[in-house]
Amino acid sequence: MREALLLIAHGSPVPAANRDLYEMVQLVRGRRGDVIVEPAFLEGTSPSIPEGIATCVRQGAERVVVIPFFLLPGGHVSEDLPAFVEEARAAYPAVEFFMGKPLGGHEQLREMIWEQICELDHE
């Protein structure tokens, strides 16, 4: 089964604000050459989420895993992204769609944030 990872960030019209997502897409592509990896943005720039989904499907994805590149499970992650996934399921019934979790729940990320806080104490 051909799998795709669709990494989704909020998006901004300021290109530098979107750089982290593009860098993560390149990192995942380099480490997971066996899967399709595409970026998408909720708003502010393109590709949009429907465009990102369509790109995955055009490349032969039979399963698309939506990875929220968001820190916390706020409204975008708990409401907006699932709505896009439901629309995709209706538009591409032969493709499986799954939602990943936002980034904030991972212990390593919390430790990295703590390290940054500790660095501020030394400035």
N, C-alpha and C. Protein backbone atom coordinates (compact mmCIF):
# COMPACT_ATOMS: atom_id res chain seq x y z
N MET A 1 0.85 -1.18 0.00
CA MET A 1 0.00 0.00 0.00
C MET A 1 0.89 1.24 0.00
N ARG A 2 0.67 2.12 -0.94
CA ARG A 2 1.47 3.35 -1.05
C ARG A 2 0.97 4.37 -0.03
N GLU A 3 1.87 4.81 0.85
CA GLU A 3 1.51 5.72 1.93
C GLU A 3 2.04 7.12 1.66
N ALA A 4 1.29 8.11 2.14
CA ALA A 4 1.73 9.50 2.07
C ALA A 4 1.63 10.13 3.44
N LEU A 5 2.55 11.02 3.72
CA LEU A 5 2.51 11.85 4.91
C LEU A 5 2.25 13.28 4.46
N LEU A 6 1.19 13.87 4.95
CA LEU A 6 0.87 15.26 4.63
C LEU A 6 1.11 16.08 5.88
N LEU A 7 2.19 16.85 5.88
CA LEU A 7 2.54 17.69 7.02
C LEU A 7 1.83 19.02 6.87
N ILE A 8 1.04 19.38 7.87
CA ILE A 8 0.21 20.59 7.79
C ILE A 8 0.60 21.57 8.87
N ALA A 9 0.87 22.81 8.45
CA ALA A 9 1.13 23.91 9.38
C ALA A 9 0.06 24.98 9.19
N HIS A 10 0.06 25.95 10.08
CA HIS A 10 -0.93 27.03 10.01
C HIS A 10 -0.78 27.81 8.72
N GLY A 11 0.43 28.26 8.44
CA GLY A 11 0.70 29.02 7.22
C GLY A 11 0.72 30.51 7.47
N SER A 12 1.51 31.20 6.65
CA SER A 12 1.67 32.65 6.75
C SER A 12 2.04 33.20 5.39
N PRO A 13 1.62 34.44 5.09
CA PRO A 13 2.08 35.05 3.85
C PRO A 13 3.56 35.45 3.90
N VAL A 14 4.18 35.36 5.08
CA VAL A 14 5.60 35.65 5.25
C VAL A 14 6.38 34.36 5.00
N PRO A 15 7.12 34.25 3.90
CA PRO A 15 7.79 32.98 3.56
C PRO A 15 8.67 32.41 4.67
N ALA A 16 9.37 33.26 5.40
CA ALA A 16 10.26 32.76 6.46
C ALA A 16 9.47 32.02 7.54
N ALA A 17 8.22 32.38 7.74
CA ALA A 17 7.40 31.73 8.76
C ALA A 17 7.02 30.31 8.36
N ASN A 18 7.11 29.99 7.09
CA ASN A 18 6.74 28.66 6.60
C ASN A 18 7.96 27.75 6.41
N ARG A 19 9.14 28.29 6.60
CA ARG A 19 10.38 27.57 6.32
C ARG A 19 10.51 26.27 7.13
N ASP A 20 10.12 26.31 8.40
CA ASP A 20 10.27 25.11 9.24
C ASP A 20 9.52 23.92 8.66
N LEU A 21 8.32 24.16 8.13
CA LEU A 21 7.56 23.04 7.57
C LEU A 21 8.27 22.47 6.35
N TYR A 22 8.75 23.35 5.46
CA TYR A 22 9.46 22.87 4.27
C TYR A 22 10.73 22.11 4.65
N GLU A 23 11.43 22.58 5.68
CA GLU A 23 12.62 21.87 6.13
C GLU A 23 12.27 20.50 6.70
N MET A 24 11.16 20.42 7.42
CA MET A 24 10.73 19.12 7.96
C MET A 24 10.33 18.17 6.84
N VAL A 25 9.65 18.69 5.82
CA VAL A 25 9.28 17.85 4.67
C VAL A 25 10.53 17.27 4.03
N GLN A 26 11.56 18.09 3.84
CA GLN A 26 12.81 17.61 3.24
C GLN A 26 13.48 16.57 4.13
N LEU A 27 13.47 16.79 5.43
CA LEU A 27 14.06 15.84 6.36
C LEU A 27 13.35 14.48 6.28
N VAL A 28 12.02 14.51 6.29
CA VAL A 28 11.26 13.26 6.24
C VAL A 28 11.46 12.57 4.89
N ARG A 29 11.48 13.34 3.82
CA ARG A 29 11.72 12.74 2.49
C ARG A 29 13.07 12.04 2.46
N GLY A 30 14.08 12.66 3.06
CA GLY A 30 15.41 12.07 3.08
C GLY A 30 15.49 10.80 3.91
N ARG A 31 14.71 10.74 4.96
CA ARG A 31 14.75 9.57 5.84
C ARG A 31 13.74 8.50 5.47
N ARG A 32 12.69 8.89 4.77
CA ARG A 32 11.62 7.94 4.42
C ARG A 32 11.36 8.00 2.93
N GLY A 33 12.32 7.55 2.16
CA GLY A 33 12.17 7.56 0.71
C GLY A 33 11.09 6.64 0.19
N ASP A 34 10.55 5.81 1.08
CA ASP A 34 9.52 4.86 0.69
C ASP A 34 8.11 5.44 0.72
N VAL A 35 7.95 6.67 1.21
CA VAL A 35 6.61 7.28 1.29
C VAL A 35 6.59 8.62 0.57
N ILE A 36 5.41 9.01 0.18
CA ILE A 36 5.17 10.35 -0.38
C ILE A 36 5.13 11.31 0.79
N VAL A 37 5.80 12.44 0.69
CA VAL A 37 5.79 13.44 1.77
C VAL A 37 5.50 14.80 1.14
N GLU A 38 4.43 15.44 1.58
CA GLU A 38 4.03 16.72 1.01
C GLU A 38 3.66 17.71 2.11
N PRO A 39 3.87 19.01 1.84
CA PRO A 39 3.45 20.06 2.77
C PRO A 39 2.06 20.58 2.41
N ALA A 40 1.40 21.18 3.40
CA ALA A 40 0.15 21.89 3.16
C ALA A 40 -0.04 22.89 4.29
N PHE A 41 -0.84 23.91 4.00
CA PHE A 41 -1.07 24.97 4.97
C PHE A 41 -2.56 25.23 5.14
N LEU A 42 -2.93 25.54 6.37
CA LEU A 42 -4.32 25.83 6.69
C LEU A 42 -4.76 27.14 6.04
N GLU A 43 -3.91 28.15 6.07
CA GLU A 43 -4.23 29.44 5.48
C GLU A 43 -2.96 30.25 5.27
N GLY A 44 -3.08 31.35 4.57
CA GLY A 44 -1.98 32.29 4.43
C GLY A 44 -1.03 32.04 3.29
N THR A 45 -1.00 30.83 2.76
CA THR A 45 -0.10 30.50 1.66
C THR A 45 -0.56 29.18 1.04
N SER A 46 0.15 28.78 0.02
CA SER A 46 -0.20 27.51 -0.63
C SER A 46 1.02 26.59 -0.54
N PRO A 47 0.82 25.31 -0.70
CA PRO A 47 -0.40 24.63 -1.08
C PRO A 47 -1.40 24.55 0.08
N SER A 48 -2.67 24.64 -0.25
CA SER A 48 -3.72 24.48 0.73
C SER A 48 -3.83 23.01 1.11
N ILE A 49 -4.62 22.72 2.11
CA ILE A 49 -4.80 21.33 2.52
C ILE A 49 -5.44 20.51 1.40
N PRO A 50 -6.52 20.98 0.76
CA PRO A 50 -7.06 20.19 -0.36
C PRO A 50 -6.05 20.01 -1.50
N GLU A 51 -5.21 21.02 -1.76
CA GLU A 51 -4.18 20.88 -2.79
C GLU A 51 -3.14 19.84 -2.38
N GLY A 52 -2.75 19.84 -1.12
CA GLY A 52 -1.79 18.86 -0.63
C GLY A 52 -2.33 17.44 -0.70
N ILE A 53 -3.59 17.29 -0.34
CA ILE A 53 -4.23 15.97 -0.43
C ILE A 53 -4.26 15.51 -1.87
N ALA A 54 -4.67 16.38 -2.77
CA ALA A 54 -4.75 16.03 -4.19
C ALA A 54 -3.38 15.64 -4.73
N THR A 55 -2.33 16.33 -4.30
CA THR A 55 -0.97 16.00 -4.74
C THR A 55 -0.59 14.60 -4.28
N CYS A 56 -0.93 14.26 -3.06
CA CYS A 56 -0.64 12.91 -2.55
C CYS A 56 -1.38 11.86 -3.37
N VAL A 57 -2.65 12.10 -3.63
CA VAL A 57 -3.46 11.13 -4.37
C VAL A 57 -2.95 10.99 -5.80
N ARG A 58 -2.58 12.11 -6.44
CA ARG A 58 -2.04 12.06 -7.81
C ARG A 58 -0.77 11.22 -7.89
N GLN A 59 -0.01 11.18 -6.81
CA GLN A 59 1.22 10.40 -6.78
C GLN A 59 0.98 8.93 -6.42
N GLY A 60 -0.27 8.58 -6.27
CA GLY A 60 -0.61 7.18 -6.03
C GLY A 60 -0.84 6.78 -4.59
N ALA A 61 -1.01 7.75 -3.70
CA ALA A 61 -1.24 7.41 -2.29
C ALA A 61 -2.54 6.65 -2.13
N GLU A 62 -2.45 5.55 -1.40
CA GLU A 62 -3.64 4.78 -1.05
C GLU A 62 -4.00 4.99 0.42
N ARG A 63 -3.06 5.58 1.16
CA ARG A 63 -3.25 5.90 2.57
C ARG A 63 -2.54 7.23 2.81
N VAL A 64 -3.25 8.20 3.39
CA VAL A 64 -2.68 9.50 3.69
C VAL A 64 -2.77 9.73 5.20
N VAL A 65 -1.61 9.97 5.80
CA VAL A 65 -1.55 10.28 7.22
C VAL A 65 -1.32 11.78 7.34
N VAL A 66 -2.26 12.46 7.96
CA VAL A 66 -2.19 13.91 8.16
C VAL A 66 -1.44 14.17 9.46
N ILE A 67 -0.33 14.88 9.35
CA ILE A 67 0.51 15.19 10.51
C ILE A 67 0.36 16.67 10.84
N PRO A 68 -0.31 17.01 11.94
CA PRO A 68 -0.45 18.42 12.30
C PRO A 68 0.87 18.97 12.84
N PHE A 69 1.43 19.93 12.14
CA PHE A 69 2.66 20.59 12.57
C PHE A 69 2.24 21.77 13.46
N PHE A 70 1.51 21.43 14.52
CA PHE A 70 0.96 22.39 15.48
C PHE A 70 1.42 21.96 16.86
N LEU A 71 1.62 22.93 17.74
CA LEU A 71 2.11 22.62 19.07
C LEU A 71 1.01 22.01 19.95
N LEU A 72 -0.18 22.58 19.91
CA LEU A 72 -1.24 22.17 20.83
C LEU A 72 -2.50 21.74 20.09
N PRO A 73 -3.35 20.94 20.75
CA PRO A 73 -4.57 20.46 20.12
C PRO A 73 -5.71 21.47 20.23
N GLY A 74 -5.51 22.68 19.72
CA GLY A 74 -6.55 23.71 19.75
C GLY A 74 -7.60 23.48 18.67
N GLY A 75 -8.34 24.52 18.37
CA GLY A 75 -9.44 24.44 17.43
C GLY A 75 -9.03 23.98 16.04
N HIS A 76 -7.89 24.43 15.57
CA HIS A 76 -7.46 24.01 14.23
C HIS A 76 -7.24 22.50 14.18
N VAL A 77 -6.59 21.97 15.21
CA VAL A 77 -6.27 20.54 15.22
C VAL A 77 -7.49 19.69 15.55
N SER A 78 -8.31 20.15 16.45
CA SER A 78 -9.43 19.31 16.88
C SER A 78 -10.70 19.51 16.05
N GLU A 79 -10.78 20.61 15.30
CA GLU A 79 -11.99 20.86 14.51
C GLU A 79 -11.70 21.04 13.02
N ASP A 80 -10.81 21.97 12.69
CA ASP A 80 -10.58 22.31 11.27
C ASP A 80 -9.94 21.17 10.50
N LEU A 81 -8.86 20.61 11.01
CA LEU A 81 -8.17 19.55 10.28
C LEU A 81 -9.04 18.30 10.13
N PRO A 82 -9.76 17.86 11.18
CA PRO A 82 -10.65 16.72 10.97
C PRO A 82 -11.73 16.98 9.91
N ALA A 83 -12.17 18.23 9.79
CA ALA A 83 -13.16 18.55 8.75
C ALA A 83 -12.55 18.38 7.36
N PHE A 84 -11.30 18.79 7.19
CA PHE A 84 -10.62 18.58 5.91
C PHE A 84 -10.45 17.09 5.62
N VAL A 85 -10.14 16.31 6.65
CA VAL A 85 -9.98 14.87 6.47
C VAL A 85 -11.30 14.23 6.06
N GLU A 86 -12.40 14.65 6.67
CA GLU A 86 -13.71 14.11 6.29
C GLU A 86 -14.06 14.46 4.85
N GLU A 87 -13.76 15.69 4.43
CA GLU A 87 -13.99 16.09 3.04
C GLU A 87 -13.15 15.24 2.09
N ALA A 88 -11.92 14.96 2.49
CA ALA A 88 -11.04 14.13 1.65
C ALA A 88 -11.57 12.71 1.55
N ARG A 89 -12.07 12.18 2.64
CA ARG A 89 -12.64 10.82 2.61
C ARG A 89 -13.81 10.75 1.62
N ALA A 90 -14.61 11.81 1.59
CA ALA A 90 -15.75 11.84 0.66
C ALA A 90 -15.27 11.99 -0.78
N ALA A 91 -14.23 12.81 -0.98
CA ALA A 91 -13.73 13.07 -2.34
C ALA A 91 -12.92 11.90 -2.89
N TYR A 92 -12.25 11.16 -2.02
CA TYR A 92 -11.38 10.05 -2.45
C TYR A 92 -11.73 8.80 -1.65
N PRO A 93 -12.86 8.18 -1.92
CA PRO A 93 -13.31 7.05 -1.10
C PRO A 93 -12.40 5.83 -1.15
N ALA A 94 -11.56 5.72 -2.15
CA ALA A 94 -10.65 4.58 -2.25
C ALA A 94 -9.37 4.77 -1.44
N VAL A 95 -9.20 5.96 -0.86
CA VAL A 95 -7.99 6.29 -0.10
C VAL A 95 -8.33 6.32 1.38
N GLU A 96 -7.45 5.74 2.21
CA GLU A 96 -7.61 5.80 3.66
C GLU A 96 -6.96 7.08 4.18
N PHE A 97 -7.60 7.73 5.13
CA PHE A 97 -7.07 8.94 5.74
C PHE A 97 -7.02 8.78 7.25
N PHE A 98 -5.90 9.20 7.84
CA PHE A 98 -5.70 9.14 9.28
C PHE A 98 -5.13 10.46 9.77
N MET A 99 -5.45 10.80 11.01
CA MET A 99 -4.93 12.02 11.65
C MET A 99 -3.88 11.65 12.68
N GLY A 100 -2.74 12.34 12.62
CA GLY A 100 -1.74 12.21 13.66
C GLY A 100 -2.02 13.18 14.79
N LYS A 101 -1.17 13.17 15.79
CA LYS A 101 -1.33 14.05 16.95
C LYS A 101 -0.48 15.30 16.78
N PRO A 102 -0.87 16.41 17.43
CA PRO A 102 -0.02 17.61 17.39
C PRO A 102 1.29 17.36 18.13
N LEU A 103 2.24 18.23 17.94
CA LEU A 103 3.59 18.05 18.45
C LEU A 103 3.72 18.17 19.96
N GLY A 104 2.89 18.97 20.59
CA GLY A 104 3.07 19.34 21.99
C GLY A 104 3.06 18.20 22.99
N GLY A 105 2.48 17.08 22.66
CA GLY A 105 2.37 15.99 23.61
C GLY A 105 3.61 15.13 23.74
N HIS A 106 4.65 15.41 23.01
CA HIS A 106 5.84 14.57 23.02
C HIS A 106 6.84 15.04 24.07
N GLU A 107 7.29 14.11 24.87
CA GLU A 107 8.21 14.42 25.96
C GLU A 107 9.48 15.11 25.47
N GLN A 108 10.03 14.68 24.35
CA GLN A 108 11.26 15.30 23.85
C GLN A 108 11.05 16.77 23.51
N LEU A 109 9.91 17.12 22.99
CA LEU A 109 9.63 18.52 22.68
C LEU A 109 9.53 19.33 23.96
N ARG A 110 8.87 18.77 24.96
CA ARG A 110 8.78 19.48 26.24
C ARG A 110 10.17 19.70 26.83
N GLU A 111 11.04 18.71 26.70
CA GLU A 111 12.41 18.85 27.21
C GLU A 111 13.17 19.93 26.45
N MET A 112 12.97 20.00 25.13
CA MET A 112 13.64 21.03 24.33
C MET A 112 13.18 22.42 24.76
N ILE A 113 11.90 22.57 25.00
CA ILE A 113 11.37 23.86 25.45
C ILE A 113 11.95 24.21 26.81
N TRP A 114 12.04 23.22 27.69
CA TRP A 114 12.62 23.46 29.01
C TRP A 114 14.08 23.90 28.89
N GLU A 115 14.84 23.28 28.00
CA GLU A 115 16.23 23.68 27.79
C GLU A 115 16.32 25.13 27.32
N GLN A 116 15.41 25.54 26.44
CA GLN A 116 15.42 26.93 25.98
C GLN A 116 15.10 27.88 27.13
N ILE A 117 14.19 27.50 28.00
CA ILE A 117 13.87 28.32 29.15
C ILE A 117 15.09 28.45 30.07
N CYS A 118 15.78 27.35 30.27
CA CYS A 118 16.97 27.36 31.12
C CYS A 118 18.07 28.24 30.51
N GLU A 119 18.19 28.24 29.19
CA GLU A 119 19.19 29.08 28.52
C GLU A 119 18.90 30.55 28.76
N LEU A 120 17.64 30.94 28.88
CA LEU A 120 17.29 32.33 29.13
C LEU A 120 17.80 32.78 30.49
N ASP A 121 17.86 31.85 31.42
CA ASP A 121 18.36 32.19 32.76
C ASP A 121 19.83 32.57 32.74
N HIS A 122 20.56 32.13 31.71
CA HIS A 122 22.00 32.36 31.64
C HIS A 122 22.39 33.52 30.74
N GLU A 123 21.42 34.20 30.19
CA GLU A 123 21.74 35.34 29.32
C GLU A 123 21.88 36.62 30.08
